[in-house]
Amino acid sequence: MHNCQSPAEGLTHNESASIYLYTMVFDGGPSLYLLLNESLRVENRGKLIPWFSFLKLFLTALHKLPSYSGIVWRGIRGVDLSSKYKAGTKFAWWGVSSCTTHIEVLESEQFLGKYGQRTLFSIECINGKSVVKHSYFKNSEKEIILMPGSYFEVMGQLNPIPELQIIQLKEITPPIALVKSPFSKSTESASNKTSSITEGLKGFIFLIIIFF
């Protein structure tokens, strides 16, 4: 994990490594990002318990990164999601959502591909986190991560060709704070920061239980 030896953007080795592991694609089995998002989205919240230590490290790393504002793209293969995302709908995404700033990346069959049923999200984000300097795919995917609890409004839809749905989203401020930042007070002592991070993660899991 050469990227993690001298991590950029003020991250510790372990924080950078958590992003590196999240972005890896494993051979011969499900990747970490698939397993994590499965646990985040299931109704049985007990499945999150084994992830607590990793989530604390991973979310702390993401919170340290500067926010990215702009258009990002997310592709999902094999499904038409247009009926779920009607114009005017407001919702939170509780998974860790990987996107890209370069739409051509999605041509890969690993992401959106060129054939079959597909849904393409065009997302105007305000709090995306660029993980390019810490990613396993440092020079190719131009990955932006949308944090768990990111809140959106559906602005519109387009069906330009058969089997391709394009859904336009805009990130907006949620009616209540869905996830507490671990760095809400810059003057906290080291011990208080650790406590704040832990409490923030507990709040994150609690809010998932309420709003899922």
Foldseek 3Di string as FASTA:
>chain_A
DVLLPDDPLPAHSQLLVLQAQLQDQDPPDGGPLVQQQVQLPDLPVVSCVVCLVSCLSPQLSQLSAAFDFAKWKFKDPDDDCDVVAAAFDKDFAQGWGKTAPDVVLQCDPVGHHDDAAMEMEIEGEGGWGFSLSRYNPNPPGRITIDHGGFMWGWHHWDDPDPRYIYTYIYTDDDPDDLFDRLCPDVPDDPVVSVVSSSVRSVSNSVSSNVRD
